[in-house]
Amino acid sequence: MSETVATQVQTFTYDEPHPHAFTRGEVGWLPWLEPLPVDELTDRHYDGLVDRARASSDYFRLLARDPEILRARTLVDKDIFYNTAQGLPRAERELAAAAASRVNGCVFCASVHARFAAHFSKSPEFVDALLADGVKADLGERWDAITDAAAALTATPIAFGPAHVTRLRATGLDELEIADVIHGAAFFNWANRLMLSLGRPVAPPDQA
């Protein structure tokens, strides 16, 4: 069995309010299926979580019911967003994820990745414009090219094509950076659908 860790779990009920707007605030999440209780997590589950702190999340404890799949999912997630020694800056990887989440209507994922995009870019006003006005917001040519590419991939992958690549190149992105835009948006097209299928968002305190 794993060592005992102090884990605070916030529990929501089905009468919790839905968010009424996209936000960088702390959106909650209510699962349709029961997450594993913290006191039933074994070393195998913690290996799937990768980061032990994720045991505080209902979402990750629900995915931990199949820890091998969770581990594979998490390692892909971490490499796309945290491995920034080369390629696109972290802020713009997060921007691609936030744009995909905005198009898909995943308020929870949009909130998380908008916070990261705002933090790493130091440009919260542009991130807030994306949340408020969607992918047609004027964010400057480089960010517009990234959100346009992410939106096309979100609509359907075949909507993305050479014109998007040309526009991204014109703003200074090289091949690896363009691949990072695609990875960030494509991963969250899947992640949004998984999260929206397994539960629903709960309004942050300022929207309750």
N, C-alpha and C. Protein backbone atom coordinates (compact mmCIF):
# COMPACT_ATOMS: atom_id res chain seq x y z
N MET A 1 0.84 -1.19 0.00
CA MET A 1 0.00 0.00 0.00
C MET A 1 0.88 1.25 0.00
N SER A 2 0.34 2.30 -0.49
CA SER A 2 1.09 3.54 -0.54
C SER A 2 1.15 4.18 0.84
N GLU A 3 2.11 5.11 0.96
CA GLU A 3 2.19 5.86 2.20
C GLU A 3 0.95 6.75 2.34
N THR A 4 0.63 7.10 3.57
CA THR A 4 -0.51 7.97 3.81
C THR A 4 -0.15 9.41 3.49
N VAL A 5 -1.02 10.11 2.75
CA VAL A 5 -0.79 11.52 2.45
C VAL A 5 -2.02 12.30 2.86
N ALA A 6 -1.78 13.52 3.30
CA ALA A 6 -2.90 14.40 3.65
C ALA A 6 -3.47 14.99 2.37
N THR A 7 -4.70 14.66 2.04
CA THR A 7 -5.32 15.11 0.80
C THR A 7 -6.66 15.74 1.11
N GLN A 8 -6.82 17.00 0.73
CA GLN A 8 -8.09 17.68 0.93
C GLN A 8 -8.93 17.53 -0.32
N VAL A 9 -10.13 17.01 -0.17
CA VAL A 9 -11.02 16.79 -1.30
C VAL A 9 -12.25 17.66 -1.13
N GLN A 10 -12.56 18.46 -2.17
CA GLN A 10 -13.76 19.29 -2.14
C GLN A 10 -14.90 18.52 -2.80
N THR A 11 -16.01 18.35 -2.10
CA THR A 11 -17.12 17.56 -2.61
C THR A 11 -18.26 18.46 -3.05
N PHE A 12 -18.74 18.27 -4.29
CA PHE A 12 -19.86 19.05 -4.81
C PHE A 12 -21.11 18.19 -4.83
N THR A 13 -22.28 18.83 -4.87
CA THR A 13 -23.55 18.12 -4.97
C THR A 13 -24.26 18.54 -6.25
N TYR A 14 -25.31 17.79 -6.62
CA TYR A 14 -25.94 17.99 -7.92
C TYR A 14 -26.72 19.30 -8.03
N ASP A 15 -26.94 19.98 -6.92
CA ASP A 15 -27.64 21.26 -7.01
C ASP A 15 -26.67 22.44 -7.11
N GLU A 16 -25.39 22.16 -7.31
CA GLU A 16 -24.41 23.24 -7.47
C GLU A 16 -24.73 24.02 -8.76
N PRO A 17 -24.55 25.35 -8.76
CA PRO A 17 -24.86 26.13 -9.96
C PRO A 17 -23.87 25.89 -11.09
N HIS A 18 -24.37 25.99 -12.32
CA HIS A 18 -23.51 25.93 -13.50
C HIS A 18 -22.83 27.29 -13.69
N PRO A 19 -21.64 27.32 -14.28
CA PRO A 19 -21.04 28.62 -14.65
C PRO A 19 -21.92 29.28 -15.71
N HIS A 20 -22.00 30.61 -15.70
CA HIS A 20 -22.77 31.31 -16.72
C HIS A 20 -21.87 32.07 -17.69
N ALA A 21 -20.56 31.95 -17.53
CA ALA A 21 -19.63 32.62 -18.43
C ALA A 21 -18.27 31.95 -18.33
N PHE A 22 -17.47 32.06 -19.40
CA PHE A 22 -16.09 31.60 -19.34
C PHE A 22 -15.31 32.53 -18.42
N THR A 23 -14.35 31.98 -17.71
CA THR A 23 -13.66 32.73 -16.67
C THR A 23 -12.28 32.16 -16.42
N ARG A 24 -11.40 33.01 -15.84
CA ARG A 24 -10.13 32.50 -15.32
C ARG A 24 -10.27 32.10 -13.85
N GLY A 25 -11.46 32.19 -13.31
CA GLY A 25 -11.70 31.82 -11.91
C GLY A 25 -11.61 30.32 -11.70
N GLU A 26 -11.70 29.91 -10.43
CA GLU A 26 -11.56 28.51 -10.05
C GLU A 26 -12.89 27.78 -10.24
N VAL A 27 -13.05 27.18 -11.40
CA VAL A 27 -14.27 26.42 -11.72
C VAL A 27 -14.18 25.04 -11.08
N GLY A 28 -15.28 24.57 -10.50
CA GLY A 28 -15.31 23.23 -9.92
C GLY A 28 -15.76 22.21 -10.96
N TRP A 29 -15.83 20.95 -10.54
CA TRP A 29 -16.24 19.88 -11.47
C TRP A 29 -16.96 18.80 -10.67
N LEU A 30 -18.13 18.39 -11.19
CA LEU A 30 -18.98 17.39 -10.53
C LEU A 30 -19.03 16.13 -11.40
N PRO A 31 -18.49 15.00 -10.92
CA PRO A 31 -18.45 13.79 -11.74
C PRO A 31 -19.79 13.05 -11.77
N TRP A 32 -20.07 12.40 -12.93
CA TRP A 32 -21.27 11.54 -13.03
C TRP A 32 -21.00 10.16 -12.44
N LEU A 33 -19.75 9.75 -12.45
CA LEU A 33 -19.35 8.45 -11.89
C LEU A 33 -18.53 8.68 -10.63
N GLU A 34 -18.50 7.70 -9.74
CA GLU A 34 -17.82 7.87 -8.46
C GLU A 34 -16.30 7.80 -8.63
N PRO A 35 -15.58 8.83 -8.21
CA PRO A 35 -14.11 8.71 -8.16
C PRO A 35 -13.72 7.71 -7.08
N LEU A 36 -12.50 7.18 -7.18
CA LEU A 36 -12.00 6.32 -6.12
C LEU A 36 -11.83 7.14 -4.84
N PRO A 37 -12.25 6.61 -3.70
CA PRO A 37 -11.96 7.32 -2.44
C PRO A 37 -10.45 7.39 -2.22
N VAL A 38 -10.01 8.47 -1.60
CA VAL A 38 -8.57 8.65 -1.37
C VAL A 38 -7.99 7.49 -0.59
N ASP A 39 -8.75 7.00 0.41
CA ASP A 39 -8.19 5.95 1.27
C ASP A 39 -8.15 4.58 0.58
N GLU A 40 -8.64 4.50 -0.67
CA GLU A 40 -8.53 3.25 -1.43
C GLU A 40 -7.44 3.30 -2.49
N LEU A 41 -6.73 4.44 -2.58
CA LEU A 41 -5.68 4.55 -3.58
C LEU A 41 -4.48 3.71 -3.18
N THR A 42 -3.97 2.93 -4.11
CA THR A 42 -2.79 2.10 -3.89
C THR A 42 -1.60 2.69 -4.64
N ASP A 43 -0.46 2.05 -4.49
CA ASP A 43 0.71 2.50 -5.25
C ASP A 43 0.45 2.48 -6.75
N ARG A 44 -0.31 1.51 -7.21
CA ARG A 44 -0.63 1.42 -8.65
C ARG A 44 -1.42 2.65 -9.08
N HIS A 45 -2.38 3.08 -8.24
CA HIS A 45 -3.15 4.27 -8.58
C HIS A 45 -2.27 5.52 -8.56
N TYR A 46 -1.40 5.63 -7.53
CA TYR A 46 -0.52 6.81 -7.47
C TYR A 46 0.46 6.82 -8.64
N ASP A 47 0.86 5.64 -9.10
CA ASP A 47 1.73 5.59 -10.27
C ASP A 47 0.98 6.14 -11.49
N GLY A 48 -0.31 5.84 -11.59
CA GLY A 48 -1.11 6.38 -12.68
C GLY A 48 -1.31 7.88 -12.57
N LEU A 49 -1.45 8.38 -11.35
CA LEU A 49 -1.64 9.82 -11.14
C LEU A 49 -0.37 10.61 -11.49
N VAL A 50 0.79 9.98 -11.41
CA VAL A 50 2.10 10.58 -11.68
C VAL A 50 2.46 11.61 -10.59
N ASP A 51 1.61 12.61 -10.39
CA ASP A 51 1.81 13.58 -9.30
C ASP A 51 0.85 13.22 -8.16
N ARG A 52 1.38 12.97 -6.99
CA ARG A 52 0.53 12.54 -5.87
C ARG A 52 -0.51 13.60 -5.52
N ALA A 53 -0.17 14.88 -5.75
CA ALA A 53 -1.11 15.95 -5.42
C ALA A 53 -2.41 15.83 -6.21
N ARG A 54 -2.38 15.15 -7.35
CA ARG A 54 -3.59 15.01 -8.15
C ARG A 54 -4.63 14.12 -7.47
N ALA A 55 -4.27 13.48 -6.38
CA ALA A 55 -5.24 12.69 -5.63
C ALA A 55 -6.34 13.56 -5.03
N SER A 56 -6.12 14.86 -4.94
CA SER A 56 -7.15 15.75 -4.40
C SER A 56 -8.23 16.06 -5.43
N SER A 57 -8.03 15.66 -6.68
CA SER A 57 -8.96 15.97 -7.76
C SER A 57 -9.92 14.81 -8.02
N ASP A 58 -11.24 15.09 -7.96
CA ASP A 58 -12.23 14.06 -8.31
C ASP A 58 -11.98 13.53 -9.71
N TYR A 59 -11.64 14.43 -10.62
CA TYR A 59 -11.44 14.04 -12.02
C TYR A 59 -10.32 13.00 -12.14
N PHE A 60 -9.19 13.29 -11.53
CA PHE A 60 -8.06 12.37 -11.67
C PHE A 60 -8.29 11.08 -10.87
N ARG A 61 -9.01 11.16 -9.73
CA ARG A 61 -9.30 9.91 -9.00
C ARG A 61 -10.32 9.07 -9.74
N LEU A 62 -11.17 9.70 -10.56
CA LEU A 62 -12.08 8.92 -11.40
C LEU A 62 -11.28 8.23 -12.52
N LEU A 63 -10.38 8.98 -13.17
CA LEU A 63 -9.56 8.38 -14.23
C LEU A 63 -8.63 7.30 -13.66
N ALA A 64 -8.29 7.43 -12.37
CA ALA A 64 -7.39 6.46 -11.73
C ALA A 64 -8.02 5.08 -11.60
N ARG A 65 -9.31 4.95 -11.90
CA ARG A 65 -9.90 3.61 -11.93
C ARG A 65 -9.22 2.75 -13.01
N ASP A 66 -8.64 3.39 -14.01
CA ASP A 66 -7.80 2.67 -14.98
C ASP A 66 -6.43 3.35 -14.98
N PRO A 67 -5.58 3.02 -14.00
CA PRO A 67 -4.37 3.81 -13.78
C PRO A 67 -3.37 3.76 -14.93
N GLU A 68 -3.34 2.66 -15.68
CA GLU A 68 -2.37 2.60 -16.79
C GLU A 68 -2.74 3.60 -17.89
N ILE A 69 -4.03 3.69 -18.20
CA ILE A 69 -4.46 4.68 -19.19
C ILE A 69 -4.22 6.09 -18.67
N LEU A 70 -4.52 6.32 -17.37
CA LEU A 70 -4.30 7.65 -16.79
C LEU A 70 -2.83 8.03 -16.88
N ARG A 71 -1.95 7.09 -16.57
CA ARG A 71 -0.50 7.40 -16.61
C ARG A 71 -0.08 7.79 -18.04
N ALA A 72 -0.54 7.02 -19.04
CA ALA A 72 -0.19 7.33 -20.43
C ALA A 72 -0.73 8.71 -20.80
N ARG A 73 -1.98 9.00 -20.40
CA ARG A 73 -2.60 10.30 -20.70
C ARG A 73 -1.81 11.44 -20.07
N THR A 74 -1.40 11.23 -18.81
CA THR A 74 -0.73 12.30 -18.07
C THR A 74 0.67 12.58 -18.62
N LEU A 75 1.37 11.52 -19.01
CA LEU A 75 2.71 11.73 -19.56
C LEU A 75 2.66 12.47 -20.89
N VAL A 76 1.65 12.17 -21.71
CA VAL A 76 1.49 12.93 -22.96
C VAL A 76 1.18 14.39 -22.65
N ASP A 77 0.25 14.62 -21.72
CA ASP A 77 -0.12 15.97 -21.30
C ASP A 77 1.11 16.76 -20.85
N LYS A 78 1.91 16.15 -19.97
CA LYS A 78 3.07 16.84 -19.43
C LYS A 78 4.10 17.15 -20.51
N ASP A 79 4.31 16.24 -21.45
CA ASP A 79 5.31 16.50 -22.47
C ASP A 79 4.86 17.62 -23.40
N ILE A 80 3.58 17.66 -23.72
CA ILE A 80 3.08 18.71 -24.61
C ILE A 80 3.20 20.08 -23.94
N PHE A 81 2.85 20.17 -22.66
CA PHE A 81 2.74 21.50 -22.04
C PHE A 81 3.95 21.90 -21.20
N TYR A 82 4.70 20.96 -20.66
CA TYR A 82 5.79 21.33 -19.76
C TYR A 82 7.17 21.21 -20.40
N ASN A 83 7.29 20.46 -21.47
CA ASN A 83 8.59 20.24 -22.09
C ASN A 83 8.87 21.37 -23.08
N THR A 84 9.30 22.50 -22.55
CA THR A 84 9.45 23.71 -23.36
C THR A 84 10.91 24.07 -23.62
N ALA A 85 11.81 23.09 -23.46
CA ALA A 85 13.22 23.37 -23.75
C ALA A 85 13.39 23.79 -25.21
N GLN A 86 12.56 23.25 -26.08
CA GLN A 86 12.54 23.65 -27.48
C GLN A 86 11.08 23.86 -27.87
N GLY A 87 10.88 24.54 -29.00
CA GLY A 87 9.53 24.70 -29.51
C GLY A 87 8.81 25.91 -28.94
N LEU A 88 7.49 25.84 -28.95
CA LEU A 88 6.64 26.97 -28.61
C LEU A 88 6.74 27.33 -27.13
N PRO A 89 6.74 28.63 -26.78
CA PRO A 89 6.70 29.01 -25.35
C PRO A 89 5.46 28.45 -24.66
N ARG A 90 5.58 28.23 -23.37
CA ARG A 90 4.48 27.64 -22.59
C ARG A 90 3.19 28.44 -22.75
N ALA A 91 3.29 29.76 -22.75
CA ALA A 91 2.08 30.59 -22.82
C ALA A 91 1.25 30.27 -24.06
N GLU A 92 1.93 30.05 -25.18
CA GLU A 92 1.20 29.84 -26.43
C GLU A 92 0.70 28.40 -26.57
N ARG A 93 1.34 27.46 -25.91
CA ARG A 93 0.77 26.11 -25.83
C ARG A 93 -0.54 26.16 -25.04
N GLU A 94 -0.51 26.92 -23.93
CA GLU A 94 -1.71 27.07 -23.11
C GLU A 94 -2.80 27.83 -23.86
N LEU A 95 -2.37 28.81 -24.67
CA LEU A 95 -3.34 29.56 -25.48
C LEU A 95 -4.07 28.63 -26.45
N ALA A 96 -3.34 27.73 -27.12
CA ALA A 96 -3.97 26.78 -28.04
C ALA A 96 -4.97 25.91 -27.30
N ALA A 97 -4.62 25.45 -26.09
CA ALA A 97 -5.53 24.62 -25.29
C ALA A 97 -6.76 25.42 -24.86
N ALA A 98 -6.54 26.68 -24.46
CA ALA A 98 -7.67 27.52 -24.04
C ALA A 98 -8.61 27.80 -25.21
N ALA A 99 -8.04 28.03 -26.40
CA ALA A 99 -8.88 28.30 -27.58
C ALA A 99 -9.71 27.07 -27.94
N ALA A 100 -9.09 25.88 -27.94
CA ALA A 100 -9.85 24.66 -28.23
C ALA A 100 -10.96 24.47 -27.20
N SER A 101 -10.64 24.72 -25.93
CA SER A 101 -11.63 24.55 -24.86
C SER A 101 -12.76 25.57 -24.99
N ARG A 102 -12.42 26.78 -25.43
CA ARG A 102 -13.44 27.83 -25.63
C ARG A 102 -14.41 27.41 -26.73
N VAL A 103 -13.88 26.86 -27.82
CA VAL A 103 -14.74 26.42 -28.93
C VAL A 103 -15.60 25.22 -28.51
N ASN A 104 -15.00 24.29 -27.78
CA ASN A 104 -15.74 23.09 -27.36
C ASN A 104 -16.73 23.35 -26.23
N GLY A 105 -16.64 24.50 -25.59
CA GLY A 105 -17.55 24.80 -24.49
C GLY A 105 -17.15 24.15 -23.19
N CYS A 106 -15.88 23.79 -23.04
CA CYS A 106 -15.42 23.20 -21.78
C CYS A 106 -14.96 24.33 -20.85
N VAL A 107 -15.88 24.80 -20.01
CA VAL A 107 -15.61 25.94 -19.15
C VAL A 107 -14.49 25.63 -18.16
N PHE A 108 -14.47 24.39 -17.66
CA PHE A 108 -13.44 24.01 -16.69
C PHE A 108 -12.05 24.07 -17.33
N CYS A 109 -11.89 23.38 -18.46
CA CYS A 109 -10.56 23.35 -19.11
C CYS A 109 -10.16 24.75 -19.58
N ALA A 110 -11.10 25.51 -20.10
CA ALA A 110 -10.78 26.88 -20.54
C ALA A 110 -10.27 27.71 -19.36
N SER A 111 -10.87 27.54 -18.20
CA SER A 111 -10.45 28.33 -17.03
C SER A 111 -9.02 27.99 -16.63
N VAL A 112 -8.70 26.70 -16.60
CA VAL A 112 -7.36 26.27 -16.18
C VAL A 112 -6.30 26.80 -17.15
N HIS A 113 -6.53 26.61 -18.44
CA HIS A 113 -5.49 26.95 -19.41
C HIS A 113 -5.47 28.45 -19.70
N ALA A 114 -6.57 29.12 -19.49
CA ALA A 114 -6.55 30.59 -19.56
C ALA A 114 -5.71 31.16 -18.42
N ARG A 115 -5.82 30.58 -17.24
CA ARG A 115 -4.98 31.06 -16.11
C ARG A 115 -3.51 30.87 -16.44
N PHE A 116 -3.16 29.71 -16.98
CA PHE A 116 -1.75 29.47 -17.33
C PHE A 116 -1.31 30.41 -18.45
N ALA A 117 -2.13 30.58 -19.48
CA ALA A 117 -1.76 31.47 -20.59
C ALA A 117 -1.56 32.89 -20.09
N ALA A 118 -2.44 33.35 -19.22
CA ALA A 118 -2.32 34.71 -18.68
C ALA A 118 -1.06 34.83 -17.82
N HIS A 119 -0.80 33.82 -17.01
CA HIS A 119 0.38 33.85 -16.12
C HIS A 119 1.67 33.88 -16.91
N PHE A 120 1.80 32.98 -17.87
CA PHE A 120 3.09 32.86 -18.58
C PHE A 120 3.27 33.96 -19.62
N SER A 121 2.19 34.50 -20.16
CA SER A 121 2.32 35.56 -21.17
C SER A 121 2.42 36.94 -20.54
N LYS A 122 1.92 37.08 -19.30
CA LYS A 122 1.79 38.39 -18.66
C LYS A 122 0.86 39.31 -19.45
N SER A 123 -0.05 38.71 -20.19
CA SER A 123 -1.02 39.48 -20.98
C SER A 123 -2.45 39.02 -20.68
N PRO A 124 -2.89 39.17 -19.44
CA PRO A 124 -4.22 38.65 -19.09
C PRO A 124 -5.34 39.31 -19.88
N GLU A 125 -5.14 40.56 -20.34
CA GLU A 125 -6.21 41.25 -21.05
C GLU A 125 -6.56 40.54 -22.36
N PHE A 126 -5.54 39.97 -23.04
CA PHE A 126 -5.81 39.25 -24.29
C PHE A 126 -6.48 37.90 -24.01
N VAL A 127 -6.04 37.25 -22.95
CA VAL A 127 -6.65 35.97 -22.58
C VAL A 127 -8.12 36.18 -22.20
N ASP A 128 -8.38 37.25 -21.47
CA ASP A 128 -9.77 37.54 -21.09
C ASP A 128 -10.62 37.86 -22.33
N ALA A 129 -10.01 38.50 -23.33
CA ALA A 129 -10.74 38.79 -24.57
C ALA A 129 -11.12 37.50 -25.27
N LEU A 130 -10.21 36.53 -25.27
CA LEU A 130 -10.52 35.21 -25.86
C LEU A 130 -11.68 34.57 -25.13
N LEU A 131 -11.66 34.60 -23.80
CA LEU A 131 -12.75 33.99 -23.03
C LEU A 131 -14.07 34.71 -23.27
N ALA A 132 -14.04 36.04 -23.36
CA ALA A 132 -15.28 36.81 -23.49
C ALA A 132 -15.85 36.76 -24.90
N ASP A 133 -14.96 36.90 -25.90
CA ASP A 133 -15.43 37.07 -27.28
C ASP A 133 -15.19 35.86 -28.17
N GLY A 134 -14.50 34.86 -27.66
CA GLY A 134 -14.23 33.66 -28.46
C GLY A 134 -13.04 33.84 -29.39
N VAL A 135 -12.88 32.91 -30.33
CA VAL A 135 -11.68 32.87 -31.15
C VAL A 135 -11.65 33.96 -32.21
N LYS A 136 -12.71 34.76 -32.33
CA LYS A 136 -12.70 35.90 -33.25
C LYS A 136 -12.17 37.17 -32.58
N ALA A 137 -11.84 37.09 -31.30
CA ALA A 137 -11.28 38.25 -30.60
C ALA A 137 -9.96 38.66 -31.25
N ASP A 138 -9.67 39.96 -31.25
CA ASP A 138 -8.42 40.48 -31.82
C ASP A 138 -7.33 40.40 -30.77
N LEU A 139 -6.41 39.45 -30.95
CA LEU A 139 -5.35 39.21 -29.96
C LEU A 139 -3.98 39.57 -30.51
N GLY A 140 -3.94 40.20 -31.69
CA GLY A 140 -2.66 40.41 -32.37
C GLY A 140 -2.41 39.26 -33.33
N GLU A 141 -1.63 39.51 -34.38
CA GLU A 141 -1.53 38.55 -35.49
C GLU A 141 -1.01 37.18 -35.05
N ARG A 142 0.03 37.14 -34.22
CA ARG A 142 0.60 35.83 -33.83
C ARG A 142 -0.42 35.01 -33.03
N TRP A 143 -1.03 35.62 -32.04
CA TRP A 143 -2.01 34.88 -31.24
C TRP A 143 -3.27 34.58 -32.05
N ASP A 144 -3.65 35.49 -32.96
CA ASP A 144 -4.80 35.21 -33.81
C ASP A 144 -4.54 33.99 -34.70
N ALA A 145 -3.30 33.89 -35.22
CA ALA A 145 -2.96 32.73 -36.05
C ALA A 145 -3.04 31.44 -35.24
N ILE A 146 -2.60 31.50 -33.99
CA ILE A 146 -2.65 30.30 -33.13
C ILE A 146 -4.09 29.92 -32.80
N THR A 147 -4.91 30.90 -32.41
CA THR A 147 -6.29 30.57 -32.05
C THR A 147 -7.10 30.15 -33.28
N ASP A 148 -6.79 30.74 -34.44
CA ASP A 148 -7.49 30.33 -35.67
C ASP A 148 -7.15 28.89 -36.02
N ALA A 149 -5.88 28.52 -35.88
CA ALA A 149 -5.48 27.13 -36.14
C ALA A 149 -6.15 26.18 -35.14
N ALA A 150 -6.15 26.56 -33.87
CA ALA A 150 -6.78 25.72 -32.85
C ALA A 150 -8.27 25.57 -33.10
N ALA A 151 -8.92 26.66 -33.52
CA ALA A 151 -10.36 26.60 -33.79
C ALA A 151 -10.66 25.70 -34.98
N ALA A 152 -9.82 25.75 -36.02
CA ALA A 152 -10.04 24.89 -37.18
C ALA A 152 -9.88 23.42 -36.80
N LEU A 153 -8.85 23.11 -36.01
CA LEU A 153 -8.66 21.72 -35.57
C LEU A 153 -9.81 21.26 -34.69
N THR A 154 -10.41 22.19 -33.96
CA THR A 154 -11.51 21.84 -33.07
C THR A 154 -12.79 21.60 -33.85
N ALA A 155 -13.01 22.40 -34.90
CA ALA A 155 -14.22 22.21 -35.72
C ALA A 155 -14.19 20.84 -36.36
N THR A 156 -13.10 20.51 -37.01
CA THR A 156 -12.84 19.18 -37.58
C THR A 156 -11.41 19.23 -38.12
N PRO A 157 -10.64 18.19 -37.92
CA PRO A 157 -9.22 18.26 -38.34
C PRO A 157 -9.02 18.64 -39.79
N ILE A 158 -9.94 18.24 -40.69
CA ILE A 158 -9.72 18.57 -42.11
C ILE A 158 -9.98 20.04 -42.39
N ALA A 159 -10.51 20.80 -41.42
CA ALA A 159 -10.66 22.25 -41.60
C ALA A 159 -9.31 22.96 -41.47
N PHE A 160 -8.34 22.26 -40.88
CA PHE A 160 -6.98 22.80 -40.73
C PHE A 160 -6.17 22.41 -41.96
N GLY A 161 -5.40 23.36 -42.50
CA GLY A 161 -4.65 23.02 -43.69
C GLY A 161 -3.52 23.97 -43.99
N PRO A 162 -3.03 23.97 -45.23
CA PRO A 162 -1.85 24.76 -45.60
C PRO A 162 -2.00 26.25 -45.31
N ALA A 163 -3.20 26.80 -45.44
CA ALA A 163 -3.37 28.24 -45.18
C ALA A 163 -3.06 28.57 -43.73
N HIS A 164 -3.44 27.69 -42.81
CA HIS A 164 -3.12 27.91 -41.39
C HIS A 164 -1.62 27.81 -41.15
N VAL A 165 -0.98 26.84 -41.78
CA VAL A 165 0.46 26.67 -41.61
C VAL A 165 1.19 27.90 -42.16
N THR A 166 0.77 28.37 -43.33
CA THR A 166 1.40 29.55 -43.92
C THR A 166 1.25 30.76 -43.00
N ARG A 167 0.07 30.93 -42.44
CA ARG A 167 -0.16 32.07 -41.54
C ARG A 167 0.69 31.96 -40.27
N LEU A 168 0.80 30.75 -39.73
CA LEU A 168 1.63 30.55 -38.53
C LEU A 168 3.10 30.82 -38.85
N ARG A 169 3.56 30.35 -40.01
CA ARG A 169 4.96 30.61 -40.41
C ARG A 169 5.20 32.12 -40.56
N ALA A 170 4.22 32.81 -41.11
CA ALA A 170 4.37 34.25 -41.36
C ALA A 170 4.52 35.04 -40.07
N THR A 171 4.02 34.48 -38.95
CA THR A 171 4.16 35.18 -37.67
C THR A 171 5.43 34.78 -36.94
N GLY A 172 6.26 33.94 -37.59
CA GLY A 172 7.56 33.60 -37.02
C GLY A 172 7.68 32.21 -36.43
N LEU A 173 6.62 31.41 -36.49
CA LEU A 173 6.70 30.06 -35.91
C LEU A 173 7.43 29.13 -36.86
N ASP A 174 8.32 28.30 -36.29
CA ASP A 174 9.00 27.30 -37.11
C ASP A 174 8.23 25.98 -37.06
N GLU A 175 8.79 24.95 -37.68
CA GLU A 175 8.05 23.68 -37.82
C GLU A 175 7.71 23.07 -36.46
N LEU A 176 8.68 23.07 -35.53
CA LEU A 176 8.43 22.49 -34.21
C LEU A 176 7.38 23.29 -33.45
N GLU A 177 7.44 24.60 -33.55
CA GLU A 177 6.46 25.45 -32.86
C GLU A 177 5.05 25.24 -33.42
N ILE A 178 4.96 25.08 -34.75
CA ILE A 178 3.64 24.81 -35.34
C ILE A 178 3.13 23.44 -34.88
N ALA A 179 4.04 22.48 -34.80
CA ALA A 179 3.64 21.15 -34.28
C ALA A 179 3.14 21.27 -32.84
N ASP A 180 3.76 22.15 -32.04
CA ASP A 180 3.31 22.33 -30.66
C ASP A 180 1.90 22.94 -30.59
N VAL A 181 1.60 23.86 -31.51
CA VAL A 181 0.23 24.40 -31.58
C VAL A 181 -0.76 23.27 -31.84
N ILE A 182 -0.41 22.42 -32.81
CA ILE A 182 -1.29 21.30 -33.17
C ILE A 182 -1.43 20.33 -32.00
N HIS A 183 -0.32 20.01 -31.34
CA HIS A 183 -0.38 19.09 -30.20
C HIS A 183 -1.28 19.64 -29.09
N GLY A 184 -1.10 20.93 -28.75
CA GLY A 184 -1.88 21.52 -27.67
C GLY A 184 -3.36 21.53 -27.97
N ALA A 185 -3.71 21.92 -29.20
CA ALA A 185 -5.13 21.97 -29.56
C ALA A 185 -5.71 20.57 -29.70
N ALA A 186 -4.97 19.68 -30.35
CA ALA A 186 -5.49 18.32 -30.59
C ALA A 186 -5.68 17.57 -29.27
N PHE A 187 -4.71 17.71 -28.35
CA PHE A 187 -4.85 17.01 -27.07
C PHE A 187 -6.10 17.49 -26.35
N PHE A 188 -6.35 18.81 -26.39
CA PHE A 188 -7.51 19.30 -25.65
C PHE A 188 -8.82 19.10 -26.37
N ASN A 189 -8.79 18.84 -27.65
CA ASN A 189 -10.02 18.41 -28.30
C ASN A 189 -10.48 17.08 -27.72
N TRP A 190 -9.53 16.20 -27.42
CA TRP A 190 -9.87 14.93 -26.79
C TRP A 190 -10.17 15.12 -25.30
N ALA A 191 -9.31 15.88 -24.62
CA ALA A 191 -9.47 16.05 -23.17
C ALA A 191 -10.78 16.75 -22.83
N ASN A 192 -11.18 17.74 -23.63
CA ASN A 192 -12.47 18.42 -23.41
C ASN A 192 -13.61 17.42 -23.47
N ARG A 193 -13.59 16.59 -24.50
CA ARG A 193 -14.68 15.64 -24.69
C ARG A 193 -14.73 14.62 -23.56
N LEU A 194 -13.57 14.21 -23.08
CA LEU A 194 -13.52 13.27 -21.96
C LEU A 194 -14.11 13.91 -20.71
N MET A 195 -13.69 15.14 -20.41
CA MET A 195 -14.17 15.79 -19.19
C MET A 195 -15.65 16.12 -19.27
N LEU A 196 -16.12 16.57 -20.45
CA LEU A 196 -17.53 16.92 -20.61
C LEU A 196 -18.41 15.67 -20.60
N SER A 197 -17.82 14.50 -20.89
CA SER A 197 -18.58 13.25 -20.88
C SER A 197 -18.68 12.64 -19.48
N LEU A 198 -17.71 12.96 -18.63
CA LEU A 198 -17.63 12.32 -17.31
C LEU A 198 -18.22 13.17 -16.19
N GLY A 199 -18.63 14.40 -16.48
CA GLY A 199 -19.18 15.26 -15.43
C GLY A 199 -19.54 16.62 -15.98
N ARG A 200 -19.71 17.59 -15.08
CA ARG A 200 -20.06 18.95 -15.53
C ARG A 200 -19.35 19.98 -14.66
N PRO A 201 -19.16 21.19 -15.21
CA PRO A 201 -18.50 22.24 -14.42
C PRO A 201 -19.43 22.81 -13.35
N VAL A 202 -18.81 23.33 -12.32
CA VAL A 202 -19.54 24.00 -11.23
C VAL A 202 -19.05 25.45 -11.17
N ALA A 203 -19.98 26.38 -11.03
CA ALA A 203 -19.65 27.81 -11.06
C ALA A 203 -18.62 28.17 -9.98
N PRO A 204 -17.68 29.05 -10.32
CA PRO A 204 -16.75 29.54 -9.29
C PRO A 204 -17.51 30.43 -8.31
N PRO A 205 -16.93 30.70 -7.15
CA PRO A 205 -17.65 31.48 -6.12
C PRO A 205 -18.21 32.81 -6.62
N ASP A 206 -17.51 33.49 -7.54
CA ASP A 206 -18.00 34.80 -7.98
C ASP A 206 -19.13 34.70 -9.00
N GLN A 207 -19.51 33.48 -9.41
CA GLN A 207 -20.66 33.30 -10.30
C GLN A 207 -21.79 32.54 -9.61
N ALA A 208 -21.58 32.13 -8.38
CA ALA A 208 -22.60 31.32 -7.69
C ALA A 208 -23.78 32.17 -7.27
